[in-house]
Amino acid sequence: MLARDAWLDLRRRPVFWFSAAVLLLAGAMAAVPHVFARLGPNEHCDLRLSKHGPAGGAPFGYDLQGCDYWSQVVHGTRASVAIGLAVTVSALVVAVVLGLVGGFYGGLADALISRVTDVFFGIPFVLGATVVLVAFPEHGIWAMTLVLVVLGWTTMTRMMRGQVIAIRDMDYVEAARMLGAGDGRLMLRHILPNSVSPVIVVAMLNVGNVIAGEATLDYLGVGLQYPEVSWGLQLNVAQSFFADHPHLLVFPALFLTATVLSFLLLGDVVRDALDPRLR
């Protein structure tokens, strides 16, 4: 019933349809970039066209290597979106497991999980990732994803734990326990479905934050490296040429901003729809 009411509420919100459309487009570009781009990444580059602005055959112009910038920006979508989704899904799984176990059992397990969470929560996200990535310069997308997962699970874990603690002693849980339900059934059938919705909303918001963080690391030169293609790398290269060739910075910045903003807006409207107190 709650899901149906939330969907009916979402359908009436233009912000939901706008953000969903932008994210579907970004997802399609990440999944099948060849449908949108006529060239592959770093393909058919001509240094004679270096830094040329938008023209008939290249609506976004050319980059420093003389590559079609539209194609490069489209292919840059894959790294940013893939890392954002992979980090968020992995961190969500970790948060659900740890929050469920700690909140349900309490005692030593909860104390241990809470103290470990506090330690990682105290590490600044971008700074911590920068230190690790600088220490291990030979890294790719999956190594970077692992680093961001290690630093990005704490907030959702705290929220999941709080939700489980609030629900574990409710009447329907006690009734199921008296009817003989074991711990596993109580957690998976009665507590998890009623506690995970707010955490999923935070996860949706977190995708945008992770994409922004990944772009920041690329921009600082400690994230992905050439020949990888990402929006952050494009911004890193473009910063020195903005005055004379603004298109090098404007186009990846627009794509990055639209994607991050859409995730944030979608998370906001879904949160409002799922929480009746905010309607």
Protein backbone atom coordinates (compact mmCIF):
# COMPACT_ATOMS: atom_id res chain seq x y z
CA MET A 1 0.00 0.00 0.00
CA LEU A 2 2.83 2.40 0.88
CA ALA A 3 4.62 1.68 -2.39
CA ARG A 4 1.40 2.24 -4.36
CA ASP A 5 0.71 5.53 -2.58
CA ALA A 6 4.30 6.62 -3.14
CA TRP A 7 4.05 5.85 -6.87
CA LEU A 8 0.79 7.80 -7.18
CA ASP A 9 2.47 10.73 -5.47
CA LEU A 10 5.59 10.51 -7.66
CA ARG A 11 3.57 10.48 -10.88
CA ARG A 12 2.25 13.94 -10.10
CA ARG A 13 5.70 15.48 -9.63
CA PRO A 14 7.40 17.03 -12.71
CA VAL A 15 10.75 16.89 -10.90
CA PHE A 16 10.48 13.09 -10.76
CA TRP A 17 9.93 12.77 -14.50
CA PHE A 18 12.68 15.27 -15.33
CA SER A 19 15.29 13.61 -13.12
CA ALA A 20 14.25 10.13 -14.26
CA ALA A 21 14.55 11.15 -17.92
CA VAL A 22 18.04 12.61 -17.38
CA LEU A 23 19.20 9.51 -15.51
CA LEU A 24 17.76 7.16 -18.13
CA LEU A 25 19.66 9.09 -20.78
CA ALA A 26 22.87 8.97 -18.73
CA GLY A 27 22.39 5.26 -18.11
CA ALA A 28 21.86 4.61 -21.82
CA MET A 29 25.01 6.57 -22.68
CA ALA A 30 26.97 4.56 -20.13
CA ALA A 31 25.58 1.19 -21.28
CA VAL A 32 25.63 1.69 -25.07
CA PRO A 33 27.80 4.74 -25.85
CA HIS A 34 28.22 3.69 -29.49
CA VAL A 35 24.52 4.47 -30.05
CA PHE A 36 25.14 8.13 -29.17
CA ALA A 37 28.75 8.62 -30.30
CA ARG A 38 30.01 8.11 -33.84
CA LEU A 39 33.55 7.30 -32.62
CA GLY A 40 35.05 5.23 -29.85
CA PRO A 41 37.13 6.65 -27.00
CA ASN A 42 40.37 8.24 -28.25
CA GLU A 43 39.55 7.08 -31.77
CA HIS A 44 40.45 8.86 -35.06
CA CYS A 45 42.06 11.80 -33.28
CA ASP A 46 43.82 14.43 -35.40
CA LEU A 47 46.19 16.87 -33.69
CA ARG A 48 45.57 19.37 -36.50
CA LEU A 49 42.05 19.80 -35.07
CA SER A 50 43.30 20.27 -31.50
CA LYS A 51 41.09 22.58 -29.40
CA HIS A 52 38.88 23.59 -32.34
CA GLY A 53 35.46 24.71 -31.18
CA PRO A 54 32.08 23.29 -32.18
CA ALA A 55 31.70 22.70 -35.91
CA GLY A 56 29.35 20.89 -38.26
CA GLY A 57 30.86 17.43 -37.84
CA ALA A 58 31.69 17.87 -34.16
CA PRO A 59 28.95 19.68 -32.19
CA PHE A 60 31.18 19.83 -29.08
CA GLY A 61 34.38 20.62 -30.98
CA TYR A 62 37.69 18.81 -30.41
CA ASP A 63 39.90 18.21 -27.38
CA LEU A 64 43.67 18.61 -26.96
CA GLN A 65 44.37 15.42 -28.92
CA GLY A 66 42.04 16.43 -31.72
CA CYS A 67 39.40 13.86 -30.72
CA ASP A 68 35.71 14.46 -31.34
CA TYR A 69 34.70 15.97 -27.99
CA TRP A 70 31.06 14.85 -28.17
CA SER A 71 32.21 11.24 -28.46
CA GLN A 72 34.69 11.71 -25.62
CA VAL A 73 32.08 13.23 -23.30
CA VAL A 74 29.61 10.44 -24.10
CA HIS A 75 32.22 7.77 -23.34
CA GLY A 76 33.13 9.63 -20.15
CA THR A 77 29.66 8.83 -18.86
CA ARG A 78 30.47 5.14 -18.41
CA ALA A 79 33.25 5.53 -15.85
CA SER A 80 31.39 8.08 -13.73
CA VAL A 81 28.03 6.29 -13.72
CA ALA A 82 29.55 2.81 -13.32
CA ILE A 83 31.65 3.85 -10.33
CA GLY A 84 28.74 5.75 -8.77
CA LEU A 85 26.36 2.80 -9.03
CA ALA A 86 28.91 0.12 -8.11
CA VAL A 87 30.11 2.00 -5.03
CA THR A 88 26.57 2.77 -3.85
CA VAL A 89 25.20 -0.75 -4.35
CA SER A 90 28.21 -2.33 -2.63
CA ALA A 91 28.09 0.14 0.25
CA LEU A 92 24.33 -0.43 0.58
CA VAL A 93 24.83 -4.19 0.91
CA VAL A 94 27.51 -3.69 3.56
CA ALA A 95 25.32 -1.19 5.42
CA VAL A 96 22.24 -3.43 5.37
CA VAL A 97 24.14 -6.45 6.69
CA LEU A 98 26.06 -4.62 9.40
CA GLY A 99 23.13 -2.42 10.44
CA LEU A 100 20.76 -5.39 10.57
CA VAL A 101 23.11 -7.54 12.65
CA GLY A 102 24.19 -4.76 14.99
CA GLY A 103 20.72 -3.32 15.50
CA PHE A 104 19.02 -6.69 15.99
CA TYR A 105 21.48 -8.39 18.32
CA GLY A 106 22.89 -5.37 20.16
CA GLY A 107 25.49 -6.11 22.85
CA LEU A 108 29.05 -6.89 21.80
CA ALA A 109 28.24 -7.21 18.09
CA ASP A 110 26.59 -3.79 18.04
CA ALA A 111 29.40 -2.20 20.04
CA LEU A 112 32.07 -3.61 17.72
CA ILE A 113 30.23 -2.58 14.54
CA SER A 114 29.52 0.88 15.96
CA ARG A 115 33.16 1.51 16.93
CA VAL A 116 34.45 0.39 13.52
CA THR A 117 31.83 2.60 11.88
CA ASP A 118 32.95 5.56 13.99
CA VAL A 119 36.57 5.03 12.93
CA PHE A 120 35.74 5.04 9.21
CA PHE A 121 33.19 7.84 9.64
CA GLY A 122 36.00 10.05 10.93
CA ILE A 123 38.00 9.69 7.71
CA PRO A 124 37.19 12.49 5.22
CA PHE A 125 35.87 10.91 2.03
CA VAL A 126 37.91 12.75 -0.60
CA LEU A 127 41.02 13.15 1.57
CA GLY A 128 41.06 9.50 2.59
CA ALA A 129 40.59 8.35 -1.00
CA THR A 130 43.35 10.72 -2.15
CA VAL A 131 45.83 9.31 0.37
CA VAL A 132 45.11 5.69 -0.61
CA LEU A 133 45.12 6.33 -4.36
CA VAL A 134 48.39 8.27 -4.19
CA ALA A 135 49.96 5.41 -2.22
CA PHE A 136 48.88 2.93 -4.92
CA PRO A 137 49.23 4.81 -8.22
CA GLU A 138 48.65 1.74 -10.44
CA HIS A 139 44.87 1.59 -10.16
CA GLY A 140 41.88 1.37 -12.46
CA ILE A 141 38.12 1.65 -12.20
CA TRP A 142 37.62 -1.37 -9.94
CA ALA A 143 40.44 -0.48 -7.56
CA MET A 144 39.02 3.02 -7.29
CA THR A 145 35.56 1.56 -6.69
CA LEU A 146 36.90 -0.58 -3.84
CA VAL A 147 38.54 2.42 -2.18
CA LEU A 148 35.34 4.45 -2.37
CA VAL A 149 33.26 1.56 -0.98
CA VAL A 150 35.61 1.21 2.00
CA LEU A 151 35.09 4.91 2.77
CA GLY A 152 31.42 5.22 1.82
CA TRP A 153 29.35 2.74 3.86
CA THR A 154 29.23 4.44 7.24
CA THR A 155 26.28 6.84 6.93
CA MET A 156 23.94 4.18 5.56
CA THR A 157 25.07 1.71 8.24
CA ARG A 158 24.22 4.15 11.01
CA MET A 159 20.81 4.82 9.51
CA MET A 160 20.08 1.11 9.01
CA ARG A 161 21.07 0.33 12.60
CA GLY A 162 18.79 3.07 13.92
CA GLN A 163 15.86 1.81 11.84
CA VAL A 164 16.36 -1.77 13.04
CA ILE A 165 16.56 -0.70 16.69
CA ALA A 166 13.30 1.23 16.29
CA ILE A 167 11.50 -1.75 14.75
CA ARG A 168 12.90 -4.86 16.49
CA ASP A 169 10.69 -4.53 19.59
CA MET A 170 7.44 -3.67 17.82
CA ASP A 171 4.38 -5.78 18.45
CA TYR A 172 4.32 -7.59 15.11
CA VAL A 173 7.96 -8.63 15.55
CA GLU A 174 7.25 -9.92 19.06
CA ALA A 175 4.18 -11.77 17.77
CA ALA A 176 6.26 -13.46 15.07
CA ARG A 177 8.86 -14.40 17.66
CA MET A 178 6.24 -15.99 19.94
CA LEU A 179 4.91 -17.96 16.97
CA GLY A 180 8.35 -19.56 16.61
CA ALA A 181 10.08 -17.42 13.99
CA GLY A 182 13.86 -17.66 14.20
CA ASP A 183 16.30 -14.77 14.10
CA GLY A 184 16.89 -15.12 10.37
CA ARG A 185 13.19 -15.06 9.54
CA LEU A 186 12.57 -12.12 11.87
CA MET A 187 15.34 -10.09 10.27
CA LEU A 188 14.62 -10.94 6.63
CA ARG A 189 10.81 -11.16 6.62
CA HIS A 190 9.69 -8.69 9.27
CA ILE A 191 12.42 -6.17 10.07
CA LEU A 192 14.32 -5.67 6.79
CA PRO A 193 11.31 -4.79 4.57
CA ASN A 194 10.09 -2.24 7.11
CA SER A 195 13.44 -0.61 7.80
CA VAL A 196 15.27 -0.44 4.48
CA SER A 197 13.24 2.24 2.64
CA PRO A 198 14.96 5.28 4.22
CA VAL A 199 18.34 3.67 3.61
CA ILE A 200 17.54 3.15 -0.06
CA VAL A 201 16.61 6.83 -0.36
CA VAL A 202 19.95 7.80 1.18
CA ALA A 203 21.63 5.43 -1.28
CA MET A 204 19.96 7.21 -4.20
CA LEU A 205 21.28 10.51 -2.90
CA ASN A 206 24.67 8.88 -2.38
CA VAL A 207 25.05 7.96 -6.06
CA GLY A 208 25.24 11.64 -6.97
CA ASN A 209 27.73 12.29 -4.18
CA VAL A 210 29.94 9.39 -5.29
CA ILE A 211 29.92 10.56 -8.91
CA ALA A 212 30.90 14.05 -7.74
CA GLY A 213 33.61 12.56 -5.51
CA GLU A 214 34.98 10.41 -8.33
CA ALA A 215 35.09 13.44 -10.64
CA THR A 216 36.87 15.42 -7.92
CA LEU A 217 39.54 12.73 -7.55
CA ASP A 218 40.02 12.61 -11.32
CA TYR A 219 40.23 16.41 -11.41
CA LEU A 220 42.90 16.37 -8.71
CA GLY A 221 44.92 13.88 -10.75
CA VAL A 222 44.75 10.97 -8.29
CA GLY A 223 41.78 9.11 -9.80
CA LEU A 224 41.54 7.53 -13.22
CA GLN A 225 44.42 8.13 -15.60
CA TYR A 226 44.76 8.42 -19.38
CA PRO A 227 43.81 6.53 -21.58
CA GLU A 228 40.69 6.16 -19.41
CA VAL A 229 37.93 8.62 -20.29
CA SER A 230 35.87 10.35 -17.61
CA TRP A 231 34.30 13.73 -16.97
CA GLY A 232 36.72 14.46 -14.14
CA LEU A 233 39.73 13.83 -16.38
CA GLN A 234 38.26 16.11 -19.03
CA LEU A 235 37.79 18.87 -16.44
CA ASN A 236 41.35 18.35 -15.25
CA VAL A 237 42.71 18.87 -18.75
CA ALA A 238 40.38 21.76 -19.55
CA GLN A 239 41.21 23.92 -16.51
CA SER A 240 44.35 25.36 -18.11
CA PHE A 241 42.61 26.28 -21.36
CA PHE A 242 39.28 27.66 -20.17
CA ALA A 243 39.95 31.29 -21.15
CA ASP A 244 40.75 30.46 -24.78
CA HIS A 245 38.78 27.22 -25.24
CA PRO A 246 35.82 27.23 -22.83
CA HIS A 247 34.06 24.36 -24.61
CA LEU A 248 36.62 21.94 -23.14
CA LEU A 249 35.31 22.65 -19.64
CA VAL A 250 31.69 23.61 -20.25
CA PHE A 251 30.41 20.40 -21.87
CA PRO A 252 31.70 17.79 -19.37
CA ALA A 253 30.76 20.13 -16.52
CA LEU A 254 27.18 20.34 -17.84
CA PHE A 255 26.89 16.55 -18.12
CA LEU A 256 28.37 16.04 -14.65
CA THR A 257 26.14 18.68 -13.06
CA ALA A 258 22.97 17.38 -14.73
CA THR A 259 23.65 13.79 -13.64
CA VAL A 260 24.54 14.60 -10.04
CA LEU A 261 21.65 17.04 -9.68
CA SER A 262 19.20 14.48 -11.10
CA PHE A 263 20.24 11.85 -8.56
CA LEU A 264 19.83 14.37 -5.75
CA LEU A 265 16.43 15.54 -6.98
CA LEU A 266 15.22 11.97 -7.48
CA GLY A 267 16.30 11.03 -3.98
CA ASP A 268 14.48 14.05 -2.55
CA VAL A 269 11.16 13.35 -4.26
CA VAL A 270 11.30 9.63 -3.44
CA ARG A 271 11.98 10.46 0.21
CA ASP A 272 9.01 12.84 0.27
CA ALA A 273 6.79 10.21 -1.35
CA LEU A 274 7.81 7.41 1.04
CA ASP A 275 7.51 9.47 4.22
CA PRO A 276 3.87 10.53 4.78
CA ARG A 277 4.99 13.11 7.35
CA LEU A 278 6.68 15.11 4.56
CA ARG A 279 3.65 15.25 2.26
